Amino acid sequence: MKNSDMKVIAIILAIALFFTIVTSSVVSIASVAVLLKGNTAPAAADADNSGNTDNSSTPSNSSSSTPSSSSSTPSSSSSTSSSSSSTPSSSSSTPSSSSSTPAQQGGSDTPAQQGGNETPAQQGGNDAPAQQGATAEEVFNFYKKACDEIKNNGVAGHTRKEWQEVKAFNLGSFGSVLQPLIESFMTKEADAEAKVSPKGSDEAKDRMCPCTASFSKVASATREELPNGNYKVVIVMQDEDTPQKGSDGVAGVSTGILYYSDVQDTIQNDDTVKKVVKSLDSGGIVYRAYTIEAEMTKDGKFVSINHTTSGEITASVSLVLGKVSGSGTLEFHSVWTDFKY
């Protein structure tokens, strides 16, 4: 093989690596090499989209840091992206089955007991603990309380799906060649498998979205009444540049985003990757307008939750045979449905 051909393949492998890590698929560089040769790549292992396993520890409750007045929208801030990048592949999971009894009439402020009959979240519910004209902080705390009850106590079962989309990327002259390869590592919405977590189980706690973010990191929080009597809650987080695990912004509400530290760790410690990639020299991930939309009963039970955010990724990578830089925008989706209280 010509040296020029080897360099092209090395660059492709490095970029494919970065996008593979972003979508949390455990597809090795060796698999990509086999694919480029026209053979069948081995199946990817199942992994949680956030880069963490499902047996993650239960986060502690956090208090809101900035009190709100009568205004329903606190001020927001935005971050500026850095450097250049590439990225993704996805997570898959094995759904299990769950059963439920028809919804009961009337709601209750008392969380469902562990191990009892499961009922879907009710339509309407009782009178709201907080009124329609609630402040942004009251809306955020209304959502947070419902998250904490499941995250900490498993008071409801649910089904979670997560997937990613490439919205844009800039990989120079290799772009048209790499896009099909990159997308082959990702989980599209139609292929996203459901993770079913029974009420009271560890999975129901581990797979539930946390809400340990500080209210000071919230750009807006609104609530409106739906025709069926439930609430539509919409929370938008402030833009955040390269959040760290355990921080009190975007990381405090998400299960499905990529952390830059995971990319660095893979490049530094994976023996197969180190054969092609020498170092991740610079880069970052800016999350824009992380948006939570939830349908909730007036007594604070979830019917559905939808998380969406775009991640603007940049990276510069030193290869064994040179350097490559790139950038891309990914959209991350996490959806929880079929709540059983």
C-alpha atoms as a PDB file:
ATOM      1  CA  MET A   1       0.000   0.000   0.000  1.00  0.00           C
ATOM      2  CA  LYS A   2       1.263   3.479  -0.871  1.00  0.00           C
ATOM      3  CA  ASN A   3       2.201   5.773   1.983  1.00  0.00           C
ATOM      4  CA  SER A   4      -0.346   8.332   0.750  1.00  0.00           C
ATOM      5  CA  ASP A   5      -3.094   5.696   0.946  1.00  0.00           C
ATOM      6  CA  MET A   6      -2.063   4.828   4.486  1.00  0.00           C
ATOM      7  CA  LYS A   7      -2.262   8.470   5.503  1.00  0.00           C
ATOM      8  CA  VAL A   8      -5.760   8.848   4.059  1.00  0.00           C
ATOM      9  CA  ILE A   9      -6.947   5.767   5.933  1.00  0.00           C
ATOM     10  CA  ALA A  10      -5.323   6.975   9.167  1.00  0.00           C
ATOM     11  CA  ILE A  11      -7.133  10.305   8.877  1.00  0.00           C
ATOM     12  CA  ILE A  12     -10.432   8.550   8.185  1.00  0.00           C
ATOM     13  CA  LEU A  13      -9.909   6.299  11.188  1.00  0.00           C
ATOM     14  CA  ALA A  14      -9.129   9.227  13.474  1.00  0.00           C
ATOM     15  CA  ILE A  15     -12.193  11.199  12.432  1.00  0.00           C
ATOM     16  CA  ALA A  16     -14.397   8.126  12.583  1.00  0.00           C
ATOM     17  CA  LEU A  17     -12.985   7.493  16.052  1.00  0.00           C
ATOM     18  CA  PHE A  18     -14.062  10.899  17.299  1.00  0.00           C
ATOM     19  CA  PHE A  19     -17.581  10.555  15.922  1.00  0.00           C
ATOM     20  CA  THR A  20     -17.754   7.009  17.293  1.00  0.00           C
ATOM     21  CA  ILE A  21     -16.930   8.219  20.806  1.00  0.00           C
ATOM     22  CA  VAL A  22     -19.448  11.044  20.566  1.00  0.00           C
ATOM     23  CA  THR A  23     -22.327   8.669  20.017  1.00  0.00           C
ATOM     24  CA  SER A  24     -21.051   6.348  22.750  1.00  0.00           C
ATOM     25  CA  SER A  25     -20.907   3.245  20.569  1.00  0.00           C
ATOM     26  CA  VAL A  26     -18.170   0.827  21.512  1.00  0.00           C
ATOM     27  CA  VAL A  27     -16.997   0.391  17.924  1.00  0.00           C
ATOM     28  CA  SER A  28     -13.227   0.030  17.806  1.00  0.00           C
ATOM     29  CA  ILE A  29     -10.827   1.519  15.292  1.00  0.00           C
ATOM     30  CA  ALA A  30     -10.106  -2.032  14.218  1.00  0.00           C
ATOM     31  CA  SER A  31     -13.754  -2.369  13.240  1.00  0.00           C
ATOM     32  CA  VAL A  32     -13.530   0.735  11.086  1.00  0.00           C
ATOM     33  CA  ALA A  33     -10.423  -0.611   9.395  1.00  0.00           C
ATOM     34  CA  VAL A  34     -12.237  -3.827   8.522  1.00  0.00           C
ATOM     35  CA  LEU A  35     -15.171  -1.820   7.208  1.00  0.00           C
ATOM     36  CA  LEU A  36     -12.913   0.261   4.979  1.00  0.00           C
ATOM     37  CA  LYS A  37     -11.509  -2.943   3.498  1.00  0.00           C
ATOM     38  CA  GLY A  38     -15.010  -4.007   2.516  1.00  0.00           C
ATOM     39  CA  ASN A  39     -15.520  -6.690   5.157  1.00  0.00           C
ATOM     40  CA  THR A  40     -18.250  -6.969   7.788  1.00  0.00           C
ATOM     41  CA  ALA A  41     -17.563  -5.009  10.968  1.00  0.00           C
ATOM     42  CA  PRO A  42     -18.228  -6.651  14.342  1.00  0.00           C
ATOM     43  CA  ALA A  43     -21.382  -5.627  16.196  1.00  0.00           C
ATOM     44  CA  ALA A  44     -21.132  -2.722  18.596  1.00  0.00           C
ATOM     45  CA  ALA A  45     -21.533  -3.344  22.291  1.00  0.00           C
ATOM     46  CA  ASP A  46     -24.411  -1.822  24.190  1.00  0.00           C
ATOM     47  CA  ALA A  47     -23.559   1.341  26.089  1.00  0.00           C
ATOM     48  CA  ASP A  48     -25.389   4.158  27.757  1.00  0.00           C
ATOM     49  CA  ASN A  49     -25.464   7.266  25.593  1.00  0.00           C
ATOM     50  CA  SER A  50     -24.084   9.508  28.302  1.00  0.00           C
ATOM     51  CA  GLY A  51     -20.878   7.478  28.510  1.00  0.00           C
ATOM     52  CA  ASN A  52     -21.997   6.096  31.869  1.00  0.00           C
ATOM     53  CA  THR A  53     -23.456   2.691  32.663  1.00  0.00           C
ATOM     54  CA  ASP A  54     -27.028   2.383  33.851  1.00  0.00           C
ATOM     55  CA  ASN A  55     -25.941   1.582  37.416  1.00  0.00           C
ATOM     56  CA  SER A  56     -24.976   5.178  38.027  1.00  0.00           C
ATOM     57  CA  SER A  57     -25.278   6.434  41.564  1.00  0.00           C
ATOM     58  CA  THR A  58     -28.261   8.454  42.666  1.00  0.00           C
ATOM     59  CA  PRO A  59     -27.470  12.177  42.741  1.00  0.00           C
ATOM     60  CA  SER A  60     -28.336  14.203  45.774  1.00  0.00           C
ATOM     61  CA  ASN A  61     -30.970  16.907  45.657  1.00  0.00           C
ATOM     62  CA  SER A  62     -29.778  20.409  44.857  1.00  0.00           C
ATOM     63  CA  SER A  63     -31.308  23.689  45.817  1.00  0.00           C
ATOM     64  CA  SER A  64     -32.035  26.502  43.403  1.00  0.00           C
ATOM     65  CA  SER A  65     -29.463  29.233  43.735  1.00  0.00           C
ATOM     66  CA  THR A  66     -31.087  32.340  42.283  1.00  0.00           C
ATOM     67  CA  PRO A  67     -34.535  33.225  43.547  1.00  0.00           C
ATOM     68  CA  SER A  68     -37.019  34.490  40.979  1.00  0.00           C
ATOM     69  CA  SER A  69     -39.552  37.247  41.304  1.00  0.00           C
ATOM     70  CA  SER A  70     -42.780  37.533  39.345  1.00  0.00           C
ATOM     71  CA  SER A  71     -40.911  37.270  36.052  1.00  0.00           C
ATOM     72  CA  SER A  72     -41.316  33.956  34.271  1.00  0.00           C
ATOM     73  CA  THR A  73     -38.073  34.108  32.310  1.00  0.00           C
ATOM     74  CA  PRO A  74     -34.698  34.640  33.996  1.00  0.00           C
ATOM     75  CA  SER A  75     -31.906  36.128  31.942  1.00  0.00           C
ATOM     76  CA  SER A  76     -29.853  33.760  29.880  1.00  0.00           C
ATOM     77  CA  SER A  77     -26.238  33.623  28.898  1.00  0.00           C
ATOM     78  CA  SER A  78     -24.549  32.029  25.947  1.00  0.00           C
ATOM     79  CA  SER A  79     -21.160  30.494  25.403  1.00  0.00           C
ATOM     80  CA  THR A  80     -18.773  30.638  22.508  1.00  0.00           C
ATOM     81  CA  SER A  81     -17.510  27.488  20.877  1.00  0.00           C
ATOM     82  CA  SER A  82     -13.805  26.697  20.576  1.00  0.00           C
ATOM     83  CA  SER A  83     -11.429  25.106  18.067  1.00  0.00           C
ATOM     84  CA  SER A  84     -12.233  22.349  15.475  1.00  0.00           C
ATOM     85  CA  SER A  85     -13.731  18.665  15.496  1.00  0.00           C
ATOM     86  CA  SER A  86     -15.458  15.560  14.337  1.00  0.00           C
ATOM     87  CA  THR A  87     -17.798  12.859  15.842  1.00  0.00           C
ATOM     88  CA  PRO A  88     -20.589  10.110  16.500  1.00  0.00           C
ATOM     89  CA  SER A  89     -22.118   6.557  16.981  1.00  0.00           C
ATOM     90  CA  SER A  90     -24.807   5.462  19.302  1.00  0.00           C
ATOM     91  CA  SER A  91     -26.155   3.470  22.121  1.00  0.00           C
ATOM     92  CA  SER A  92     -28.528   0.641  21.935  1.00  0.00           C
ATOM     93  CA  SER A  93     -30.472  -1.066  24.610  1.00  0.00           C
ATOM     94  CA  THR A  94     -32.648  -4.081  25.073  1.00  0.00           C
ATOM     95  CA  PRO A  95     -36.232  -3.312  25.877  1.00  0.00           C
ATOM     96  CA  SER A  96     -38.143  -5.399  28.327  1.00  0.00           C
ATOM     97  CA  SER A  97     -41.866  -5.516  28.770  1.00  0.00           C
ATOM     98  CA  SER A  98     -44.075  -3.932  31.376  1.00  0.00           C
ATOM     99  CA  SER A  99     -47.761  -4.058  32.075  1.00  0.00           C
ATOM    100  CA  SER A 100     -50.121  -1.608  33.617  1.00  0.00           C
ATOM    101  CA  THR A 101     -53.655  -1.249  34.817  1.00  0.00           C
ATOM    102  CA  PRO A 102     -56.000   1.465  33.540  1.00  0.00           C
ATOM    103  CA  ALA A 103     -55.512   4.930  34.996  1.00  0.00           C
ATOM    104  CA  GLN A 104     -57.431   5.637  38.181  1.00  0.00           C
ATOM    105  CA  GLN A 105     -59.698   8.620  38.623  1.00  0.00           C
ATOM    106  CA  GLY A 106     -58.271  11.513  40.599  1.00  0.00           C
ATOM    107  CA  GLY A 107     -54.707  12.344  41.520  1.00  0.00           C
ATOM    108  CA  SER A 108     -52.733  12.417  44.725  1.00  0.00           C
ATOM    109  CA  ASP A 109     -49.809  14.382  46.020  1.00  0.00           C
ATOM    110  CA  THR A 110     -48.454  11.284  47.746  1.00  0.00           C
ATOM    111  CA  PRO A 111     -45.866   9.334  45.672  1.00  0.00           C
ATOM    112  CA  ALA A 112     -46.906   5.810  44.661  1.00  0.00           C
ATOM    113  CA  GLN A 113     -45.757   3.079  47.046  1.00  0.00           C
ATOM    114  CA  GLN A 114     -43.028   0.642  46.053  1.00  0.00           C
ATOM    115  CA  GLY A 115     -44.264  -2.651  44.641  1.00  0.00           C
ATOM    116  CA  GLY A 116     -47.944  -1.746  44.236  1.00  0.00           C
ATOM    117  CA  ASN A 117     -50.076  -1.915  41.107  1.00  0.00           C
ATOM    118  CA  GLU A 118     -48.775   0.311  38.349  1.00  0.00           C
ATOM    119  CA  THR A 119     -51.029   2.892  36.778  1.00  0.00           C
ATOM    120  CA  PRO A 120     -50.250   5.325  33.981  1.00  0.00           C
ATOM    121  CA  ALA A 121     -50.031   9.001  34.921  1.00  0.00           C
ATOM    122  CA  GLN A 122     -53.545  10.410  35.005  1.00  0.00           C
ATOM    123  CA  GLN A 123     -55.035  12.949  32.670  1.00  0.00           C
ATOM    124  CA  GLY A 124     -55.874  16.119  34.529  1.00  0.00           C
ATOM    125  CA  GLY A 125     -55.263  15.118  38.127  1.00  0.00           C
ATOM    126  CA  ASN A 126     -56.311  17.168  41.127  1.00  0.00           C
ATOM    127  CA  ASP A 127     -55.945  20.898  41.699  1.00  0.00           C
ATOM    128  CA  ALA A 128     -52.418  22.087  41.028  1.00  0.00           C
ATOM    129  CA  PRO A 129     -50.019  22.542  43.935  1.00  0.00           C
ATOM    130  CA  ALA A 130     -48.706  25.602  42.042  1.00  0.00           C
ATOM    131  CA  GLN A 131     -50.938  27.849  39.966  1.00  0.00           C
ATOM    132  CA  GLN A 132     -50.860  28.621  36.241  1.00  0.00           C
ATOM    133  CA  GLY A 133     -49.145  31.984  36.724  1.00  0.00           C
ATOM    134  CA  ALA A 134     -46.162  30.490  38.545  1.00  0.00           C
ATOM    135  CA  THR A 135     -42.757  32.115  38.376  1.00  0.00           C
ATOM    136  CA  ALA A 136     -39.918  30.498  36.428  1.00  0.00           C
ATOM    137  CA  GLU A 137     -38.342  29.234  39.644  1.00  0.00           C
ATOM    138  CA  GLU A 138     -41.640  27.691  40.800  1.00  0.00           C
ATOM    139  CA  VAL A 139     -42.011  25.934  37.436  1.00  0.00           C
ATOM    140  CA  PHE A 140     -38.444  24.616  37.643  1.00  0.00           C
ATOM    141  CA  ASN A 141     -38.997  23.335  41.189  1.00  0.00           C
ATOM    142  CA  PHE A 142     -42.299  21.711  40.156  1.00  0.00           C
ATOM    143  CA  TYR A 143     -40.410  19.732  37.492  1.00  0.00           C
ATOM    144  CA  LYS A 144     -37.456  19.045  39.806  1.00  0.00           C
ATOM    145  CA  LYS A 145     -39.647  17.600  42.576  1.00  0.00           C
ATOM    146  CA  ALA A 146     -41.204  15.097  40.140  1.00  0.00           C
ATOM    147  CA  CYS A 147     -37.753  14.082  38.813  1.00  0.00           C
ATOM    148  CA  ASP A 148     -36.334  13.635  42.312  1.00  0.00           C
ATOM    149  CA  GLU A 149     -39.195  11.365  43.396  1.00  0.00           C
ATOM    150  CA  ILE A 150     -38.359   8.919  40.591  1.00  0.00           C
ATOM    151  CA  LYS A 151     -34.566   9.392  40.600  1.00  0.00           C
ATOM    152  CA  ASN A 152     -34.261   8.895  44.361  1.00  0.00           C
ATOM    153  CA  ASN A 153     -37.211   6.630  45.208  1.00  0.00           C
ATOM    154  CA  GLY A 154     -38.283   4.923  41.968  1.00  0.00           C
ATOM    155  CA  VAL A 155     -41.931   5.896  42.444  1.00  0.00           C
ATOM    156  CA  ALA A 156     -42.696   5.359  38.741  1.00  0.00           C
ATOM    157  CA  GLY A 157     -41.594   3.043  35.956  1.00  0.00           C
ATOM    158  CA  HIS A 158     -40.916   4.441  32.480  1.00  0.00           C
ATOM    159  CA  THR A 159     -39.477   3.769  29.024  1.00  0.00           C
ATOM    160  CA  ARG A 160     -36.439   5.666  27.722  1.00  0.00           C
ATOM    161  CA  LYS A 161     -35.142   6.101  24.164  1.00  0.00           C
ATOM    162  CA  GLU A 162     -32.037   8.033  23.082  1.00  0.00           C
ATOM    163  CA  TRP A 163     -30.652   8.809  19.642  1.00  0.00           C
ATOM    164  CA  GLN A 164     -28.472  11.318  17.769  1.00  0.00           C
ATOM    165  CA  GLU A 165     -28.424  13.153  14.450  1.00  0.00           C
ATOM    166  CA  VAL A 166     -25.593  14.798  12.502  1.00  0.00           C
ATOM    167  CA  LYS A 167     -26.804  18.292  11.645  1.00  0.00           C
ATOM    168  CA  ALA A 168     -23.604  19.628  10.082  1.00  0.00           C
ATOM    169  CA  PHE A 169     -19.894  18.880   9.995  1.00  0.00           C
ATOM    170  CA  ASN A 170     -16.787  20.213   8.306  1.00  0.00           C
ATOM    171  CA  LEU A 171     -14.119  17.638   7.579  1.00  0.00           C
ATOM    172  CA  GLY A 172     -12.608  19.240   4.514  1.00  0.00           C
ATOM    173  CA  SER A 173     -12.210  17.186   1.333  1.00  0.00           C
ATOM    174  CA  PHE A 174     -13.010  13.970   3.206  1.00  0.00           C
ATOM    175  CA  GLY A 175     -16.536  15.085   4.147  1.00  0.00           C
ATOM    176  CA  SER A 176     -18.496  13.392   1.382  1.00  0.00           C
ATOM    177  CA  VAL A 177     -16.605  10.133   1.923  1.00  0.00           C
ATOM    178  CA  LEU A 178     -16.869  10.176   5.705  1.00  0.00           C
ATOM    179  CA  GLN A 179     -20.526  11.126   6.181  1.00  0.00           C
ATOM    180  CA  PRO A 180     -21.959   7.684   5.297  1.00  0.00           C
ATOM    181  CA  LEU A 181     -19.297   6.042   7.471  1.00  0.00           C
ATOM    182  CA  ILE A 182     -20.011   8.337  10.413  1.00  0.00           C
ATOM    183  CA  GLU A 183     -23.772   7.921  10.146  1.00  0.00           C
ATOM    184  CA  SER A 184     -23.395   4.136  10.064  1.00  0.00           C
ATOM    185  CA  PHE A 185     -22.145   4.324  13.679  1.00  0.00           C
ATOM    186  CA  MET A 186     -25.145   6.312  14.927  1.00  0.00           C
ATOM    187  CA  THR A 187     -28.555   5.326  16.238  1.00  0.00           C
ATOM    188  CA  LYS A 188     -31.317   6.958  14.219  1.00  0.00           C
ATOM    189  CA  GLU A 189     -34.712   7.603  15.776  1.00  0.00           C
ATOM    190  CA  ALA A 190     -36.346   4.771  13.849  1.00  0.00           C
ATOM    191  CA  ASP A 191     -33.732   2.333  15.182  1.00  0.00           C
ATOM    192  CA  ALA A 192     -33.606   3.554  18.785  1.00  0.00           C
ATOM    193  CA  GLU A 193     -34.438   0.731  21.172  1.00  0.00           C
ATOM    194  CA  ALA A 194     -36.539   1.261  24.268  1.00  0.00           C
ATOM    195  CA  LYS A 195     -35.212   0.708  27.768  1.00  0.00           C
ATOM    196  CA  VAL A 196     -38.166  -0.298  29.936  1.00  0.00           C
ATOM    197  CA  SER A 197     -37.669   0.236  33.666  1.00  0.00           C
ATOM    198  CA  PRO A 198     -40.273  -1.165  36.092  1.00  0.00           C
ATOM    199  CA  LYS A 199     -41.586   0.924  38.965  1.00  0.00           C
ATOM    200  CA  GLY A 200     -39.459   0.593  42.101  1.00  0.00           C
ATOM    201  CA  SER A 201     -36.468  -0.900  40.258  1.00  0.00           C
ATOM    202  CA  ASP A 202     -32.888   0.329  40.284  1.00  0.00           C
ATOM    203  CA  GLU A 203     -33.200   0.805  36.528  1.00  0.00           C
ATOM    204  CA  ALA A 204     -36.116   3.217  37.032  1.00  0.00           C
ATOM    205  CA  LYS A 205     -33.845   5.340  39.231  1.00  0.00           C
ATOM    206  CA  ASP A 206     -30.668   5.037  37.161  1.00  0.00           C
ATOM    207  CA  ARG A 207     -32.275   5.717  33.769  1.00  0.00           C
ATOM    208  CA  MET A 208     -34.375   8.651  34.928  1.00  0.00           C
ATOM    209  CA  CYS A 209     -33.109  12.109  34.038  1.00  0.00           C
ATOM    210  CA  PRO A 210     -31.629  13.934  37.025  1.00  0.00           C
ATOM    211  CA  CYS A 211     -32.469  17.476  38.058  1.00  0.00           C
ATOM    212  CA  THR A 212     -29.534  18.658  40.146  1.00  0.00           C
ATOM    213  CA  ALA A 213     -28.929  21.786  38.070  1.00  0.00           C
ATOM    214  CA  SER A 214     -28.887  25.177  39.725  1.00  0.00           C
ATOM    215  CA  PHE A 215     -31.759  27.505  38.858  1.00  0.00           C
ATOM    216  CA  SER A 216     -29.112  30.134  38.048  1.00  0.00           C
ATOM    217  CA  LYS A 217     -28.228  28.025  34.966  1.00  0.00           C
ATOM    218  CA  VAL A 218     -31.820  28.132  33.646  1.00  0.00           C
ATOM    219  CA  ALA A 219     -32.514  30.504  30.742  1.00  0.00           C
ATOM    220  CA  SER A 220     -36.321  30.177  30.922  1.00  0.00           C
ATOM    221  CA  ALA A 221     -39.019  28.030  32.518  1.00  0.00           C
ATOM    222  CA  THR A 222     -42.674  28.280  31.493  1.00  0.00           C
ATOM    223  CA  ARG A 223     -45.877  26.332  31.995  1.00  0.00           C
ATOM    224  CA  GLU A 224     -49.191  26.298  30.184  1.00  0.00           C
ATOM    225  CA  GLU A 225     -52.373  24.297  30.598  1.00  0.00           C
ATOM    226  CA  LEU A 226     -53.206  21.799  27.873  1.00  0.00           C
ATOM    227  CA  PRO A 227     -56.743  21.040  26.615  1.00  0.00           C
ATOM    228  CA  ASN A 228     -56.710  17.751  28.567  1.00  0.00           C
ATOM    229  CA  GLY A 229     -56.096  19.609  31.841  1.00  0.00           C
ATOM    230  CA  ASN A 230     -52.426  18.668  32.180  1.00  0.00           C
ATOM    231  CA  TYR A 231     -49.492  21.071  32.123  1.00  0.00           C
ATOM    232  CA  LYS A 232     -46.912  21.521  29.377  1.00  0.00           C
ATOM    233  CA  VAL A 233     -43.656  22.490  31.102  1.00  0.00           C
ATOM    234  CA  VAL A 234     -40.818  23.935  28.991  1.00  0.00           C
ATOM    235  CA  ILE A 235     -37.374  24.554  30.522  1.00  0.00           C
ATOM    236  CA  VAL A 236     -34.455  25.917  28.492  1.00  0.00           C
ATOM    237  CA  MET A 237     -30.962  25.800  29.971  1.00  0.00           C
ATOM    238  CA  GLN A 238     -28.301  28.431  29.317  1.00  0.00           C
ATOM    239  CA  ASP A 239     -25.726  27.607  26.636  1.00  0.00           C
ATOM    240  CA  GLU A 240     -22.699  25.882  28.134  1.00  0.00           C
ATOM    241  CA  ASP A 241     -19.165  25.374  26.839  1.00  0.00           C
ATOM    242  CA  THR A 242     -17.683  21.920  27.528  1.00  0.00           C
ATOM    243  CA  PRO A 243     -19.583  21.020  30.727  1.00  0.00           C
ATOM    244  CA  GLN A 244     -17.927  18.743  33.254  1.00  0.00           C
ATOM    245  CA  LYS A 245     -19.566  15.657  34.752  1.00  0.00           C
ATOM    246  CA  GLY A 246     -21.362  16.519  37.962  1.00  0.00           C
ATOM    247  CA  SER A 247     -21.560  20.244  37.224  1.00  0.00           C
ATOM    248  CA  ASP A 248     -24.759  22.167  37.958  1.00  0.00           C
ATOM    249  CA  GLY A 249     -25.781  23.195  34.444  1.00  0.00           C
ATOM    250  CA  VAL A 250     -26.593  21.003  31.448  1.00  0.00           C
ATOM    251  CA  ALA A 251     -24.871  18.032  33.112  1.00  0.00           C
ATOM    252  CA  GLY A 252     -27.349  18.331  35.990  1.00  0.00           C
ATOM    253  CA  VAL A 253     -30.392  17.566  33.827  1.00  0.00           C
ATOM    254  CA  SER A 254     -29.084  15.139  31.205  1.00  0.00           C
ATOM    255  CA  THR A 255     -28.386  11.435  30.690  1.00  0.00           C
ATOM    256  CA  GLY A 256     -27.573  11.517  26.992  1.00  0.00           C
ATOM    257  CA  ILE A 257     -24.851  14.086  26.270  1.00  0.00           C
ATOM    258  CA  LEU A 258     -21.170  13.606  25.440  1.00  0.00           C
ATOM    259  CA  TYR A 259     -18.442  14.733  27.815  1.00  0.00           C
ATOM    260  CA  TYR A 260     -15.124  15.888  26.383  1.00  0.00           C
ATOM    261  CA  SER A 261     -13.300  14.034  29.159  1.00  0.00           C
ATOM    262  CA  ASP A 262     -14.664  10.734  27.802  1.00  0.00           C
ATOM    263  CA  VAL A 263     -13.105  11.470  24.408  1.00  0.00           C
ATOM    264  CA  GLN A 264      -9.769  12.319  26.014  1.00  0.00           C
ATOM    265  CA  ASP A 265      -9.841   9.200  28.163  1.00  0.00           C
ATOM    266  CA  THR A 266     -10.458   6.924  25.176  1.00  0.00           C
ATOM    267  CA  ILE A 267      -7.642   8.460  23.142  1.00  0.00           C
ATOM    268  CA  GLN A 268      -5.201   8.225  26.044  1.00  0.00           C
ATOM    269  CA  ASN A 269      -6.066   4.746  27.297  1.00  0.00           C
ATOM    270  CA  ASP A 270      -7.455   2.618  24.460  1.00  0.00           C
ATOM    271  CA  ASP A 271      -4.575   0.521  23.070  1.00  0.00           C
ATOM    272  CA  THR A 272      -6.179   0.148  19.630  1.00  0.00           C
ATOM    273  CA  VAL A 273      -6.880   3.858  19.306  1.00  0.00           C
ATOM    274  CA  LYS A 274      -3.317   4.768  20.323  1.00  0.00           C
ATOM    275  CA  LYS A 275      -1.999   2.915  17.265  1.00  0.00           C
ATOM    276  CA  VAL A 276      -3.557   5.623  15.085  1.00  0.00           C
ATOM    277  CA  VAL A 277      -4.114   8.670  17.295  1.00  0.00           C
ATOM    278  CA  LYS A 278      -1.277  10.220  19.306  1.00  0.00           C
ATOM    279  CA  SER A 279      -3.227  12.930  21.137  1.00  0.00           C
ATOM    280  CA  LEU A 280      -6.309  15.122  21.226  1.00  0.00           C
ATOM    281  CA  ASP A 281      -4.596  18.508  21.073  1.00  0.00           C
ATOM    282  CA  SER A 282      -7.545  20.846  21.487  1.00  0.00           C
ATOM    283  CA  GLY A 283     -11.291  20.995  21.223  1.00  0.00           C
ATOM    284  CA  GLY A 284     -14.559  21.425  23.042  1.00  0.00           C
ATOM    285  CA  ILE A 285     -18.305  20.890  22.978  1.00  0.00           C
ATOM    286  CA  VAL A 286     -20.737  23.792  23.265  1.00  0.00           C
ATOM    287  CA  TYR A 287     -24.306  22.819  24.110  1.00  0.00           C
ATOM    288  CA  ARG A 288     -26.907  25.219  22.758  1.00  0.00           C
ATOM    289  CA  ALA A 289     -30.440  25.705  24.111  1.00  0.00           C
ATOM    290  CA  TYR A 290     -30.772  22.429  26.013  1.00  0.00           C
ATOM    291  CA  THR A 291     -34.577  22.167  26.031  1.00  0.00           C
ATOM    292  CA  ILE A 292     -36.809  20.069  28.277  1.00  0.00           C
ATOM    293  CA  GLU A 293     -40.467  19.637  27.366  1.00  0.00           C
ATOM    294  CA  ALA A 294     -42.618  17.663  29.792  1.00  0.00           C
ATOM    295  CA  GLU A 295     -46.312  16.883  30.015  1.00  0.00           C
ATOM    296  CA  MET A 296     -47.261  16.659  33.682  1.00  0.00           C
ATOM    297  CA  THR A 297     -50.446  16.214  35.662  1.00  0.00           C
ATOM    298  CA  LYS A 298     -51.408  19.036  37.981  1.00  0.00           C
ATOM    299  CA  ASP A 299     -50.493  16.920  40.999  1.00  0.00           C
ATOM    300  CA  GLY A 300     -46.933  16.567  39.701  1.00  0.00           C
ATOM    301  CA  LYS A 301     -46.744  13.262  37.828  1.00  0.00           C
ATOM    302  CA  PHE A 302     -45.075  12.824  34.450  1.00  0.00           C
ATOM    303  CA  VAL A 303     -46.875  11.737  31.302  1.00  0.00           C
ATOM    304  CA  SER A 304     -43.867  12.265  29.003  1.00  0.00           C
ATOM    305  CA  ILE A 305     -40.498  14.065  28.898  1.00  0.00           C
ATOM    306  CA  ASN A 306     -38.513  15.123  25.829  1.00  0.00           C
ATOM    307  CA  HIS A 307     -34.919  16.457  26.022  1.00  0.00           C
ATOM    308  CA  THR A 308     -33.247  17.987  22.946  1.00  0.00           C
ATOM    309  CA  THR A 309     -29.969  19.852  22.508  1.00  0.00           C
ATOM    310  CA  SER A 310     -27.402  20.599  19.822  1.00  0.00           C
ATOM    311  CA  GLY A 311     -23.714  20.092  20.542  1.00  0.00           C
ATOM    312  CA  GLU A 312     -21.182  22.093  18.528  1.00  0.00           C
ATOM    313  CA  ILE A 313     -18.011  20.000  18.581  1.00  0.00           C
ATOM    314  CA  THR A 314     -14.501  21.042  17.589  1.00  0.00           C
ATOM    315  CA  ALA A 315     -11.261  19.046  17.780  1.00  0.00           C
ATOM    316  CA  SER A 316      -7.697  18.941  16.561  1.00  0.00           C
ATOM    317  CA  VAL A 317      -6.096  15.491  16.648  1.00  0.00           C
ATOM    318  CA  SER A 318      -2.454  14.436  16.189  1.00  0.00           C
ATOM    319  CA  LEU A 319      -2.180  11.181  14.274  1.00  0.00           C
ATOM    320  CA  VAL A 320       0.716   8.811  13.833  1.00  0.00           C
ATOM    321  CA  LEU A 321       1.001  10.155  10.267  1.00  0.00           C
ATOM    322  CA  GLY A 322       0.023  13.792  10.706  1.00  0.00           C
ATOM    323  CA  LYS A 323      -2.742  15.989  12.085  1.00  0.00           C
ATOM    324  CA  VAL A 324      -6.424  16.505  11.324  1.00  0.00           C
ATOM    325  CA  SER A 325      -8.944  19.081  12.520  1.00  0.00           C
ATOM    326  CA  GLY A 326     -12.676  19.240  12.104  1.00  0.00           C
ATOM    327  CA  SER A 327     -15.950  20.518  13.498  1.00  0.00           C
ATOM    328  CA  GLY A 328     -19.502  19.313  13.570  1.00  0.00           C
ATOM    329  CA  THR A 329     -22.942  19.841  15.085  1.00  0.00           C
ATOM    330  CA  LEU A 330     -24.820  16.934  16.605  1.00  0.00           C
ATOM    331  CA  GLU A 331     -28.359  16.870  17.943  1.00  0.00           C
ATOM    332  CA  PHE A 332     -28.992  14.720  21.003  1.00  0.00           C
ATOM    333  CA  HIS A 333     -32.442  13.341  21.891  1.00  0.00           C
ATOM    334  CA  SER A 334     -33.651  11.633  25.080  1.00  0.00           C
ATOM    335  CA  VAL A 335     -37.325  10.728  25.522  1.00  0.00           C
ATOM    336  CA  TRP A 336     -39.177   9.212  28.493  1.00  0.00           C
ATOM    337  CA  THR A 337     -42.710   7.854  28.019  1.00  0.00           C
ATOM    338  CA  ASP A 338     -45.158   5.306  29.447  1.00  0.00           C
ATOM    339  CA  PHE A 339     -44.820   6.405  33.063  1.00  0.00           C
ATOM    340  CA  LYS A 340     -46.367   3.927  35.528  1.00  0.00           C
ATOM    341  CA  TYR A 341     -47.013   5.253  39.044  1.00  0.00           C
END
